Amino acid sequence: MLLALAAWLALSLLAATGAEMCEGPPAAESRSMPAPQLSPEERLSPHMPEALRCDACHAIAFQIEEQLRRAEGKVGRKVLSESDYMEVLERSCSQGWDSYGVQELDGKKRLAGPGLPGQEPMTVMVMGGPWPGRLSKMCHSYVGERGEAQIYGAHRRGLAALRELLCHGEKGACASSKAGVPAPPKALQNEL
């Protein structure tokens, strides 16, 4: 027994000194990426913040286009009936929107997800929370304001026409961000 204890002690000492002499692979460089800091409006408001509305509109146009394209593919790429495209638009707006969130790129917050440009793989994206509900609400608003027939007609002309209708028209969410020029301030009315 004493011999076994001595052997164990010797092996333990050899293993300990061997571990000290043998270095492992060099440590990989670590990076720290903070999550975007959201303002109270961005965290709590039921509405999409102004700075993210253009991105949101492009996400909505992309999702509507994808849903309508899939529905047309199921019927052989022919024109959908009014009831069919109305159902598809309702489904498009009522989807989960869980694949969208906010990330910070070059110091600016941007909406990120399918169909949106400028996404960086090495950033932190805040998903869930108010974003899916805000996107769904905006989508329903667009369908209500523009009408299903007009949206479907724009879809039939292509994604660019759909984006133009929803996002870039005179009152579109991206209208004020054309060429980086902010929208003119609203004129104040005299109160009597």
N, C-alpha and C. Protein backbone atom coordinates (compact mmCIF):
# COMPACT_ATOMS: atom_id res chain seq x y z
N MET A 1 0.82 -1.19 0.00
CA MET A 1 0.00 0.00 0.00
C MET A 1 0.87 1.25 0.00
N LEU A 2 1.97 1.19 0.77
CA LEU A 2 2.88 2.33 0.84
C LEU A 2 3.53 2.55 -0.52
N LEU A 3 3.82 1.45 -1.21
CA LEU A 3 4.41 1.56 -2.54
C LEU A 3 3.43 2.21 -3.52
N ALA A 4 2.16 1.86 -3.46
CA ALA A 4 1.13 2.43 -4.33
C ALA A 4 0.96 3.92 -4.05
N LEU A 5 0.99 4.30 -2.77
CA LEU A 5 0.87 5.70 -2.39
C LEU A 5 2.06 6.51 -2.90
N ALA A 6 3.25 5.94 -2.82
CA ALA A 6 4.45 6.62 -3.31
C ALA A 6 4.38 6.78 -4.83
N ALA A 7 3.90 5.77 -5.56
CA ALA A 7 3.77 5.84 -7.01
C ALA A 7 2.75 6.91 -7.40
N TRP A 8 1.65 6.95 -6.68
CA TRP A 8 0.62 7.96 -6.96
C TRP A 8 1.16 9.37 -6.74
N LEU A 9 1.92 9.56 -5.64
CA LEU A 9 2.50 10.85 -5.33
C LEU A 9 3.51 11.27 -6.41
N ALA A 10 4.32 10.33 -6.87
CA ALA A 10 5.31 10.63 -7.89
C ALA A 10 4.63 11.00 -9.21
N LEU A 11 3.61 10.26 -9.57
CA LEU A 11 2.87 10.57 -10.81
C LEU A 11 2.17 11.93 -10.71
N SER A 12 1.63 12.22 -9.56
CA SER A 12 0.97 13.51 -9.35
C SER A 12 1.95 14.66 -9.51
N LEU A 13 3.13 14.50 -8.96
CA LEU A 13 4.15 15.54 -9.07
C LEU A 13 4.61 15.70 -10.52
N LEU A 14 4.79 14.59 -11.22
CA LEU A 14 5.19 14.67 -12.62
C LEU A 14 4.11 15.33 -13.47
N ALA A 15 2.87 14.97 -13.21
CA ALA A 15 1.76 15.56 -13.97
C ALA A 15 1.68 17.06 -13.69
N ALA A 16 1.88 17.47 -12.44
CA ALA A 16 1.80 18.88 -12.08
C ALA A 16 2.92 19.67 -12.73
N THR A 17 4.13 19.16 -12.70
CA THR A 17 5.24 19.89 -13.32
C THR A 17 5.14 19.85 -14.82
N GLY A 18 4.60 18.78 -15.38
CA GLY A 18 4.43 18.69 -16.83
C GLY A 18 3.40 19.70 -17.31
N ALA A 19 2.36 19.90 -16.53
CA ALA A 19 1.33 20.85 -16.91
C ALA A 19 1.88 22.27 -16.88
N GLU A 20 2.80 22.53 -15.98
CA GLU A 20 3.38 23.87 -15.90
C GLU A 20 4.34 24.11 -17.06
N MET A 21 5.03 23.09 -17.51
CA MET A 21 6.02 23.26 -18.56
C MET A 21 5.39 23.29 -19.95
N CYS A 22 4.28 22.62 -20.11
CA CYS A 22 3.62 22.53 -21.41
C CYS A 22 2.57 23.64 -21.52
N GLU A 23 2.73 24.52 -22.49
CA GLU A 23 1.75 25.58 -22.68
C GLU A 23 0.72 25.14 -23.71
N GLY A 24 -0.51 25.57 -23.51
CA GLY A 24 -1.58 25.27 -24.45
C GLY A 24 -1.51 26.22 -25.63
N PRO A 25 -2.47 26.12 -26.52
CA PRO A 25 -2.49 27.02 -27.68
C PRO A 25 -2.69 28.46 -27.21
N PRO A 26 -2.23 29.42 -27.99
CA PRO A 26 -2.41 30.81 -27.59
C PRO A 26 -3.89 31.15 -27.52
N ALA A 27 -4.22 31.99 -26.59
CA ALA A 27 -5.62 32.37 -26.39
C ALA A 27 -6.10 33.18 -27.61
N ALA A 28 -7.31 32.90 -28.03
CA ALA A 28 -7.89 33.63 -29.15
C ALA A 28 -8.20 35.06 -28.70
N GLU A 29 -8.08 35.99 -29.64
CA GLU A 29 -8.38 37.38 -29.33
C GLU A 29 -9.87 37.49 -29.07
N SER A 30 -10.22 38.09 -27.94
CA SER A 30 -11.64 38.22 -27.62
C SER A 30 -12.11 39.61 -28.01
N ARG A 31 -13.37 39.69 -28.38
CA ARG A 31 -13.98 40.96 -28.75
C ARG A 31 -15.20 41.17 -27.88
N SER A 32 -15.41 42.37 -27.53
CA SER A 32 -16.58 42.73 -26.75
C SER A 32 -17.47 43.62 -27.60
N MET A 33 -18.71 43.22 -27.76
CA MET A 33 -19.65 44.00 -28.55
C MET A 33 -20.87 44.30 -27.70
N PRO A 34 -21.06 45.57 -27.39
CA PRO A 34 -22.22 45.91 -26.57
C PRO A 34 -23.51 45.89 -27.39
N ALA A 35 -24.59 45.64 -26.71
CA ALA A 35 -25.90 45.70 -27.37
C ALA A 35 -26.24 47.16 -27.60
N PRO A 36 -27.05 47.45 -28.62
CA PRO A 36 -27.45 48.84 -28.85
C PRO A 36 -28.17 49.41 -27.62
N GLN A 37 -27.84 50.63 -27.27
CA GLN A 37 -28.50 51.31 -26.17
C GLN A 37 -29.77 51.96 -26.70
N LEU A 38 -30.91 51.48 -26.25
CA LEU A 38 -32.18 51.96 -26.75
C LEU A 38 -32.72 53.09 -25.89
N SER A 39 -33.26 54.10 -26.54
CA SER A 39 -33.87 55.23 -25.84
C SER A 39 -35.21 54.76 -25.25
N PRO A 40 -35.80 55.55 -24.35
CA PRO A 40 -37.12 55.17 -23.82
C PRO A 40 -38.16 55.00 -24.93
N GLU A 41 -38.13 55.85 -25.96
CA GLU A 41 -39.08 55.70 -27.07
C GLU A 41 -38.87 54.36 -27.77
N GLU A 42 -37.61 54.01 -28.02
CA GLU A 42 -37.31 52.77 -28.73
C GLU A 42 -37.68 51.54 -27.90
N ARG A 43 -37.63 51.66 -26.59
CA ARG A 43 -37.96 50.52 -25.73
C ARG A 43 -39.45 50.42 -25.42
N LEU A 44 -40.13 51.56 -25.26
CA LEU A 44 -41.46 51.53 -24.67
C LEU A 44 -42.61 51.94 -25.57
N SER A 45 -42.35 52.72 -26.60
CA SER A 45 -43.44 53.22 -27.44
C SER A 45 -44.09 52.08 -28.23
N PRO A 46 -45.41 52.14 -28.40
CA PRO A 46 -46.06 51.11 -29.23
C PRO A 46 -45.84 51.35 -30.72
N HIS A 47 -45.30 52.52 -31.08
CA HIS A 47 -45.10 52.88 -32.48
C HIS A 47 -43.63 52.71 -32.87
N MET A 48 -43.40 52.50 -34.15
CA MET A 48 -42.04 52.38 -34.68
C MET A 48 -41.37 53.75 -34.58
N PRO A 49 -40.18 53.83 -33.98
CA PRO A 49 -39.48 55.12 -33.93
C PRO A 49 -39.22 55.68 -35.33
N GLU A 50 -39.30 56.98 -35.47
CA GLU A 50 -39.16 57.66 -36.76
C GLU A 50 -37.90 57.22 -37.51
N ALA A 51 -36.79 57.12 -36.80
CA ALA A 51 -35.51 56.79 -37.44
C ALA A 51 -35.47 55.38 -38.03
N LEU A 52 -36.39 54.52 -37.62
CA LEU A 52 -36.39 53.13 -38.10
C LEU A 52 -37.55 52.83 -39.05
N ARG A 53 -38.39 53.81 -39.34
CA ARG A 53 -39.57 53.56 -40.18
C ARG A 53 -39.24 53.19 -41.60
N CYS A 54 -38.21 53.77 -42.17
CA CYS A 54 -37.85 53.42 -43.55
C CYS A 54 -37.39 51.96 -43.62
N ASP A 55 -36.52 51.56 -42.68
CA ASP A 55 -36.09 50.16 -42.64
C ASP A 55 -37.29 49.24 -42.45
N ALA A 56 -38.20 49.63 -41.55
CA ALA A 56 -39.39 48.81 -41.28
C ALA A 56 -40.24 48.68 -42.53
N CYS A 57 -40.39 49.76 -43.27
CA CYS A 57 -41.18 49.72 -44.49
C CYS A 57 -40.57 48.76 -45.51
N HIS A 58 -39.25 48.79 -45.65
CA HIS A 58 -38.59 47.87 -46.58
C HIS A 58 -38.75 46.41 -46.13
N ALA A 59 -38.72 46.17 -44.82
CA ALA A 59 -38.93 44.82 -44.31
C ALA A 59 -40.35 44.35 -44.62
N ILE A 60 -41.31 45.23 -44.44
CA ILE A 60 -42.72 44.90 -44.71
C ILE A 60 -42.91 44.62 -46.20
N ALA A 61 -42.36 45.46 -47.06
CA ALA A 61 -42.49 45.25 -48.50
C ALA A 61 -41.86 43.91 -48.89
N PHE A 62 -40.71 43.59 -48.31
CA PHE A 62 -40.05 42.32 -48.61
C PHE A 62 -40.93 41.14 -48.20
N GLN A 63 -41.50 41.19 -47.01
CA GLN A 63 -42.33 40.08 -46.52
C GLN A 63 -43.61 39.94 -47.34
N ILE A 64 -44.24 41.06 -47.69
CA ILE A 64 -45.44 41.01 -48.54
C ILE A 64 -45.09 40.39 -49.89
N GLU A 65 -44.00 40.85 -50.47
CA GLU A 65 -43.56 40.32 -51.77
C GLU A 65 -43.31 38.81 -51.70
N GLU A 66 -42.61 38.37 -50.66
CA GLU A 66 -42.31 36.94 -50.50
C GLU A 66 -43.59 36.12 -50.36
N GLN A 67 -44.51 36.58 -49.53
CA GLN A 67 -45.76 35.83 -49.31
C GLN A 67 -46.60 35.76 -50.59
N LEU A 68 -46.71 36.88 -51.30
CA LEU A 68 -47.49 36.87 -52.55
C LEU A 68 -46.82 36.03 -53.61
N ARG A 69 -45.49 36.09 -53.70
CA ARG A 69 -44.76 35.28 -54.69
C ARG A 69 -44.97 33.79 -54.41
N ARG A 70 -44.89 33.40 -53.14
CA ARG A 70 -45.12 31.98 -52.79
C ARG A 70 -46.54 31.54 -53.14
N ALA A 71 -47.51 32.40 -52.83
CA ALA A 71 -48.90 32.06 -53.13
C ALA A 71 -49.12 31.92 -54.63
N GLU A 72 -48.52 32.79 -55.43
CA GLU A 72 -48.65 32.69 -56.88
C GLU A 72 -47.95 31.44 -57.40
N GLY A 73 -46.83 31.08 -56.77
CA GLY A 73 -46.11 29.86 -57.16
C GLY A 73 -46.94 28.61 -56.94
N LYS A 74 -47.76 28.62 -55.90
CA LYS A 74 -48.61 27.46 -55.62
C LYS A 74 -49.70 27.27 -56.67
N VAL A 75 -50.10 28.39 -57.31
CA VAL A 75 -51.15 28.29 -58.33
C VAL A 75 -50.58 28.42 -59.74
N GLY A 76 -49.28 28.22 -59.88
CA GLY A 76 -48.67 28.23 -61.20
C GLY A 76 -48.34 29.62 -61.73
N ARG A 77 -48.07 30.57 -60.89
CA ARG A 77 -47.65 31.93 -61.24
C ARG A 77 -48.71 32.72 -62.00
N LYS A 78 -49.94 32.30 -61.87
CA LYS A 78 -50.99 33.11 -62.48
C LYS A 78 -51.50 34.13 -61.45
N VAL A 79 -52.31 35.01 -61.88
CA VAL A 79 -52.83 36.07 -61.02
C VAL A 79 -53.73 35.46 -59.94
N LEU A 80 -53.55 35.94 -58.72
CA LEU A 80 -54.38 35.47 -57.61
C LEU A 80 -55.74 36.13 -57.65
N SER A 81 -56.74 35.43 -57.15
CA SER A 81 -58.07 36.02 -57.04
C SER A 81 -58.04 37.05 -55.90
N GLU A 82 -59.04 37.93 -55.89
CA GLU A 82 -59.10 38.96 -54.85
C GLU A 82 -59.12 38.35 -53.46
N SER A 83 -59.90 37.32 -53.27
CA SER A 83 -59.96 36.70 -51.94
C SER A 83 -58.63 36.06 -51.55
N ASP A 84 -57.92 35.51 -52.53
CA ASP A 84 -56.62 34.89 -52.25
C ASP A 84 -55.58 35.93 -51.84
N TYR A 85 -55.46 37.03 -52.61
CA TYR A 85 -54.44 38.01 -52.24
C TYR A 85 -54.81 38.76 -50.96
N MET A 86 -56.09 38.92 -50.69
CA MET A 86 -56.49 39.55 -49.42
C MET A 86 -56.08 38.66 -48.24
N GLU A 87 -56.27 37.35 -48.41
CA GLU A 87 -55.87 36.41 -47.36
C GLU A 87 -54.35 36.41 -47.17
N VAL A 88 -53.62 36.45 -48.27
CA VAL A 88 -52.16 36.45 -48.19
C VAL A 88 -51.66 37.73 -47.50
N LEU A 89 -52.25 38.87 -47.83
CA LEU A 89 -51.84 40.12 -47.19
C LEU A 89 -52.15 40.11 -45.70
N GLU A 90 -53.28 39.57 -45.32
CA GLU A 90 -53.60 39.46 -43.89
C GLU A 90 -52.59 38.56 -43.19
N ARG A 91 -52.26 37.44 -43.81
CA ARG A 91 -51.28 36.51 -43.24
C ARG A 91 -49.90 37.17 -43.16
N SER A 92 -49.55 37.94 -44.18
CA SER A 92 -48.25 38.63 -44.19
C SER A 92 -48.13 39.57 -42.99
N CYS A 93 -49.17 40.33 -42.73
CA CYS A 93 -49.12 41.30 -41.63
C CYS A 93 -49.25 40.64 -40.26
N SER A 94 -49.89 39.50 -40.19
CA SER A 94 -50.12 38.84 -38.90
C SER A 94 -49.04 37.84 -38.53
N GLN A 95 -48.02 37.69 -39.38
CA GLN A 95 -46.94 36.75 -39.07
C GLN A 95 -46.21 37.18 -37.80
N GLY A 96 -45.27 36.38 -37.35
CA GLY A 96 -44.57 36.65 -36.10
C GLY A 96 -43.57 37.79 -36.12
N TRP A 97 -42.92 38.07 -37.23
CA TRP A 97 -41.91 39.13 -37.34
C TRP A 97 -40.75 38.94 -36.37
N ASP A 98 -40.56 37.73 -35.86
CA ASP A 98 -39.54 37.47 -34.84
C ASP A 98 -38.11 37.50 -35.37
N SER A 99 -37.93 37.47 -36.67
CA SER A 99 -36.57 37.47 -37.22
C SER A 99 -36.02 38.88 -37.41
N TYR A 100 -36.75 39.89 -36.94
CA TYR A 100 -36.31 41.27 -37.05
C TYR A 100 -35.94 41.83 -35.68
N GLY A 101 -34.97 42.71 -35.71
CA GLY A 101 -34.53 43.36 -34.48
C GLY A 101 -33.70 44.59 -34.82
N VAL A 102 -33.08 45.17 -33.81
CA VAL A 102 -32.29 46.39 -33.98
C VAL A 102 -30.83 46.09 -33.71
N GLN A 103 -29.98 46.63 -34.56
CA GLN A 103 -28.54 46.55 -34.32
C GLN A 103 -27.95 47.93 -34.56
N GLU A 104 -26.76 48.15 -34.05
CA GLU A 104 -26.10 49.43 -34.22
C GLU A 104 -24.98 49.28 -35.22
N LEU A 105 -25.01 50.09 -36.27
CA LEU A 105 -23.98 50.07 -37.31
C LEU A 105 -23.42 51.48 -37.44
N ASP A 106 -22.13 51.61 -37.25
CA ASP A 106 -21.47 52.92 -37.35
C ASP A 106 -22.16 53.98 -36.50
N GLY A 107 -22.55 53.60 -35.30
CA GLY A 107 -23.16 54.55 -34.38
C GLY A 107 -24.62 54.84 -34.63
N LYS A 108 -25.23 54.22 -35.65
CA LYS A 108 -26.64 54.45 -35.95
C LYS A 108 -27.41 53.16 -35.74
N LYS A 109 -28.58 53.28 -35.16
CA LYS A 109 -29.43 52.11 -34.98
C LYS A 109 -30.16 51.84 -36.29
N ARG A 110 -30.20 50.54 -36.66
CA ARG A 110 -30.86 50.11 -37.89
C ARG A 110 -31.68 48.87 -37.60
N LEU A 111 -32.80 48.76 -38.27
CA LEU A 111 -33.59 47.55 -38.20
C LEU A 111 -32.87 46.51 -39.04
N ALA A 112 -32.83 45.29 -38.57
CA ALA A 112 -32.12 44.23 -39.29
C ALA A 112 -33.01 43.00 -39.37
N GLY A 113 -32.86 42.27 -40.46
CA GLY A 113 -33.62 41.04 -40.66
C GLY A 113 -33.71 40.74 -42.14
N PRO A 114 -34.47 39.72 -42.52
CA PRO A 114 -34.59 39.33 -43.93
C PRO A 114 -35.04 40.48 -44.83
N GLY A 115 -34.34 40.63 -45.96
CA GLY A 115 -34.71 41.64 -46.94
C GLY A 115 -34.15 43.02 -46.68
N LEU A 116 -33.38 43.19 -45.61
CA LEU A 116 -32.82 44.50 -45.29
C LEU A 116 -31.31 44.50 -45.55
N PRO A 117 -30.80 45.55 -46.18
CA PRO A 117 -29.37 45.63 -46.47
C PRO A 117 -28.56 46.10 -45.27
N GLY A 118 -27.25 45.99 -45.39
CA GLY A 118 -26.35 46.57 -44.41
C GLY A 118 -26.25 45.83 -43.09
N GLN A 119 -26.49 44.54 -43.08
CA GLN A 119 -26.40 43.79 -41.84
C GLN A 119 -24.99 43.28 -41.63
N GLU A 120 -24.48 43.45 -40.44
CA GLU A 120 -23.14 43.01 -40.09
C GLU A 120 -23.25 41.75 -39.24
N PRO A 121 -22.48 40.70 -39.57
CA PRO A 121 -22.57 39.47 -38.79
C PRO A 121 -21.95 39.60 -37.40
N MET A 122 -21.07 40.58 -37.20
CA MET A 122 -20.39 40.71 -35.92
C MET A 122 -20.94 41.86 -35.09
N THR A 123 -22.25 41.96 -34.99
CA THR A 123 -22.88 42.94 -34.13
C THR A 123 -23.92 42.24 -33.28
N VAL A 124 -24.31 42.91 -32.24
CA VAL A 124 -25.36 42.40 -31.36
C VAL A 124 -26.68 42.96 -31.85
N MET A 125 -27.67 42.09 -31.99
CA MET A 125 -28.98 42.52 -32.46
C MET A 125 -29.99 42.27 -31.34
N VAL A 126 -30.78 43.29 -31.03
CA VAL A 126 -31.83 43.18 -30.03
C VAL A 126 -33.10 42.76 -30.76
N MET A 127 -33.58 41.55 -30.45
CA MET A 127 -34.76 41.01 -31.13
C MET A 127 -35.90 40.86 -30.13
N GLY A 128 -37.06 40.58 -30.65
CA GLY A 128 -38.22 40.39 -29.79
C GLY A 128 -38.70 41.71 -29.23
N GLY A 129 -39.21 41.70 -28.04
CA GLY A 129 -39.69 42.92 -27.42
C GLY A 129 -40.77 43.59 -28.26
N PRO A 130 -40.64 44.90 -28.46
CA PRO A 130 -41.70 45.62 -29.19
C PRO A 130 -41.62 45.52 -30.70
N TRP A 131 -40.50 45.05 -31.25
CA TRP A 131 -40.30 45.11 -32.70
C TRP A 131 -41.31 44.30 -33.51
N PRO A 132 -41.61 43.05 -33.19
CA PRO A 132 -42.60 42.31 -33.98
C PRO A 132 -43.97 42.98 -33.99
N GLY A 133 -44.43 43.45 -32.86
CA GLY A 133 -45.73 44.12 -32.79
C GLY A 133 -45.77 45.40 -33.60
N ARG A 134 -44.68 46.16 -33.56
CA ARG A 134 -44.61 47.40 -34.32
C ARG A 134 -44.64 47.13 -35.82
N LEU A 135 -43.92 46.11 -36.26
CA LEU A 135 -43.91 45.77 -37.69
C LEU A 135 -45.30 45.31 -38.14
N SER A 136 -45.94 44.49 -37.34
CA SER A 136 -47.28 44.01 -37.68
C SER A 136 -48.26 45.19 -37.76
N LYS A 137 -48.18 46.09 -36.82
CA LYS A 137 -49.06 47.25 -36.79
C LYS A 137 -48.83 48.13 -38.03
N MET A 138 -47.58 48.36 -38.39
CA MET A 138 -47.28 49.16 -39.59
C MET A 138 -47.79 48.47 -40.84
N CYS A 139 -47.61 47.16 -40.92
CA CYS A 139 -48.05 46.40 -42.09
C CYS A 139 -49.57 46.52 -42.26
N HIS A 140 -50.31 46.32 -41.19
CA HIS A 140 -51.77 46.45 -41.25
C HIS A 140 -52.17 47.87 -41.65
N SER A 141 -51.43 48.85 -41.16
CA SER A 141 -51.70 50.24 -41.50
C SER A 141 -51.51 50.48 -43.00
N TYR A 142 -50.43 49.95 -43.57
CA TYR A 142 -50.19 50.11 -45.01
C TYR A 142 -51.29 49.47 -45.83
N VAL A 143 -51.70 48.27 -45.44
CA VAL A 143 -52.75 47.58 -46.19
C VAL A 143 -54.06 48.38 -46.08
N GLY A 144 -54.35 48.92 -44.90
CA GLY A 144 -55.56 49.70 -44.73
C GLY A 144 -55.54 51.01 -45.51
N GLU A 145 -54.39 51.69 -45.52
CA GLU A 145 -54.28 52.98 -46.21
C GLU A 145 -54.24 52.82 -47.73
N ARG A 146 -53.46 51.89 -48.22
CA ARG A 146 -53.26 51.75 -49.67
C ARG A 146 -54.31 50.85 -50.31
N GLY A 147 -54.80 49.89 -49.57
CA GLY A 147 -55.78 48.95 -50.10
C GLY A 147 -55.11 47.73 -50.70
N GLU A 148 -55.76 46.59 -50.53
CA GLU A 148 -55.21 45.32 -51.00
C GLU A 148 -55.00 45.30 -52.50
N ALA A 149 -55.97 45.84 -53.26
CA ALA A 149 -55.87 45.79 -54.73
C ALA A 149 -54.68 46.61 -55.22
N GLN A 150 -54.45 47.78 -54.64
CA GLN A 150 -53.33 48.61 -55.06
C GLN A 150 -51.99 47.95 -54.69
N ILE A 151 -51.93 47.35 -53.52
CA ILE A 151 -50.70 46.66 -53.10
C ILE A 151 -50.43 45.47 -54.01
N TYR A 152 -51.47 44.69 -54.31
CA TYR A 152 -51.27 43.54 -55.18
C TYR A 152 -50.87 43.98 -56.59
N GLY A 153 -51.46 45.06 -57.09
CA GLY A 153 -51.08 45.58 -58.40
C GLY A 153 -49.61 45.99 -58.43
N ALA A 154 -49.14 46.64 -57.37
CA ALA A 154 -47.73 47.03 -57.29
C ALA A 154 -46.84 45.79 -57.24
N HIS A 155 -47.26 44.79 -56.50
CA HIS A 155 -46.50 43.53 -56.44
C HIS A 155 -46.36 42.92 -57.83
N ARG A 156 -47.43 42.95 -58.62
CA ARG A 156 -47.39 42.36 -59.96
C ARG A 156 -46.38 43.09 -60.87
N ARG A 157 -46.10 44.37 -60.55
CA ARG A 157 -45.10 45.12 -61.32
C ARG A 157 -43.68 44.90 -60.79
N GLY A 158 -43.54 44.28 -59.61
CA GLY A 158 -42.22 43.97 -59.07
C GLY A 158 -41.96 44.61 -57.71
N LEU A 159 -40.92 44.12 -57.04
CA LEU A 159 -40.58 44.59 -55.69
C LEU A 159 -40.30 46.09 -55.68
N ALA A 160 -39.65 46.60 -56.72
CA ALA A 160 -39.35 48.04 -56.76
C ALA A 160 -40.64 48.86 -56.75
N ALA A 161 -41.65 48.43 -57.50
CA ALA A 161 -42.93 49.14 -57.53
C ALA A 161 -43.63 49.05 -56.18
N LEU A 162 -43.54 47.90 -55.54
CA LEU A 162 -44.15 47.74 -54.22
C LEU A 162 -43.46 48.64 -53.19
N ARG A 163 -42.14 48.67 -53.23
CA ARG A 163 -41.40 49.56 -52.30
C ARG A 163 -41.71 51.02 -52.59
N GLU A 164 -41.84 51.37 -53.85
CA GLU A 164 -42.18 52.75 -54.21
C GLU A 164 -43.55 53.12 -53.65
N LEU A 165 -44.51 52.24 -53.80
CA LEU A 165 -45.86 52.49 -53.30
C LEU A 165 -45.87 52.64 -51.78
N LEU A 166 -45.25 51.70 -51.09
CA LEU A 166 -45.33 51.69 -49.62
C LEU A 166 -44.36 52.65 -48.95
N CYS A 167 -43.14 52.76 -49.47
CA CYS A 167 -42.07 53.43 -48.73
C CYS A 167 -41.62 54.77 -49.28
N HIS A 168 -41.65 54.94 -50.59
CA HIS A 168 -40.98 56.10 -51.17
C HIS A 168 -41.91 57.13 -51.79
N GLY A 169 -43.18 56.93 -51.70
CA GLY A 169 -44.11 57.92 -52.23
C GLY A 169 -44.01 59.21 -51.43
N GLU A 170 -44.83 60.17 -51.78
CA GLU A 170 -44.80 61.48 -51.13
C GLU A 170 -44.90 61.38 -49.61
N LYS A 171 -45.76 60.50 -49.12
CA LYS A 171 -45.95 60.36 -47.67
C LYS A 171 -45.31 59.09 -47.13
N GLY A 172 -44.46 58.43 -47.93
CA GLY A 172 -43.84 57.19 -47.51
C GLY A 172 -42.84 57.37 -46.38
N ALA A 173 -42.56 56.29 -45.69
CA ALA A 173 -41.65 56.32 -44.55
C ALA A 173 -40.23 56.71 -44.94
N CYS A 174 -39.87 56.50 -46.18
CA CYS A 174 -38.51 56.83 -46.64
C CYS A 174 -38.46 58.17 -47.37
N ALA A 175 -39.58 58.83 -47.53
CA ALA A 175 -39.62 60.08 -48.29
C ALA A 175 -38.73 61.15 -47.68
N SER A 176 -38.70 61.26 -46.37
CA SER A 176 -37.90 62.31 -45.73
C SER A 176 -36.42 61.97 -45.71
N SER A 177 -36.05 60.71 -45.96
CA SER A 177 -34.64 60.34 -45.91
C SER A 177 -34.00 60.29 -47.29
N LYS A 178 -34.70 60.78 -48.32
CA LYS A 178 -34.12 60.79 -49.67
C LYS A 178 -32.91 61.70 -49.69
N ALA A 179 -31.80 61.15 -50.15
CA ALA A 179 -30.53 61.88 -50.28
C ALA A 179 -30.10 62.50 -48.96
N GLY A 180 -30.54 61.92 -47.84
CA GLY A 180 -30.10 62.40 -46.54
C GLY A 180 -30.69 63.75 -46.14
N VAL A 181 -31.70 64.20 -46.86
CA VAL A 181 -32.31 65.49 -46.55
C VAL A 181 -33.50 65.27 -45.65
N PRO A 182 -33.49 65.88 -44.46
CA PRO A 182 -34.64 65.69 -43.58
C PRO A 182 -35.87 66.40 -44.11
N ALA A 183 -37.02 65.94 -43.69
CA ALA A 183 -38.26 66.55 -44.11
C ALA A 183 -38.33 67.97 -43.55
N PRO A 184 -38.93 68.89 -44.31
CA PRO A 184 -39.03 70.26 -43.81
C PRO A 184 -39.92 70.30 -42.57
N PRO A 185 -39.64 71.20 -41.64
CA PRO A 185 -40.47 71.27 -40.45
C PRO A 185 -41.88 71.72 -40.80
N LYS A 186 -42.83 71.26 -40.03
CA LYS A 186 -44.22 71.63 -40.27
C LYS A 186 -44.43 73.09 -39.88
N ALA A 187 -45.20 73.80 -40.66
CA ALA A 187 -45.47 75.20 -40.37
C ALA A 187 -46.38 75.28 -39.16
N LEU A 188 -46.09 76.23 -38.30
CA LEU A 188 -46.93 76.43 -37.12
C LEU A 188 -48.15 77.23 -37.53
N GLN A 189 -49.29 76.88 -36.95
CA GLN A 189 -50.51 77.61 -37.24
C GLN A 189 -50.76 78.60 -36.10
N ASN A 190 -51.29 79.73 -36.47
CA ASN A 190 -51.62 80.71 -35.44
C ASN A 190 -52.84 80.23 -34.67
N GLU A 191 -52.75 80.37 -33.37
CA GLU A 191 -53.91 80.00 -32.54
C GLU A 191 -54.65 81.25 -32.18
N LEU A 192 -55.95 81.25 -32.32
CA LEU A 192 -56.79 82.39 -31.97
C LEU A 192 -57.55 82.15 -30.72
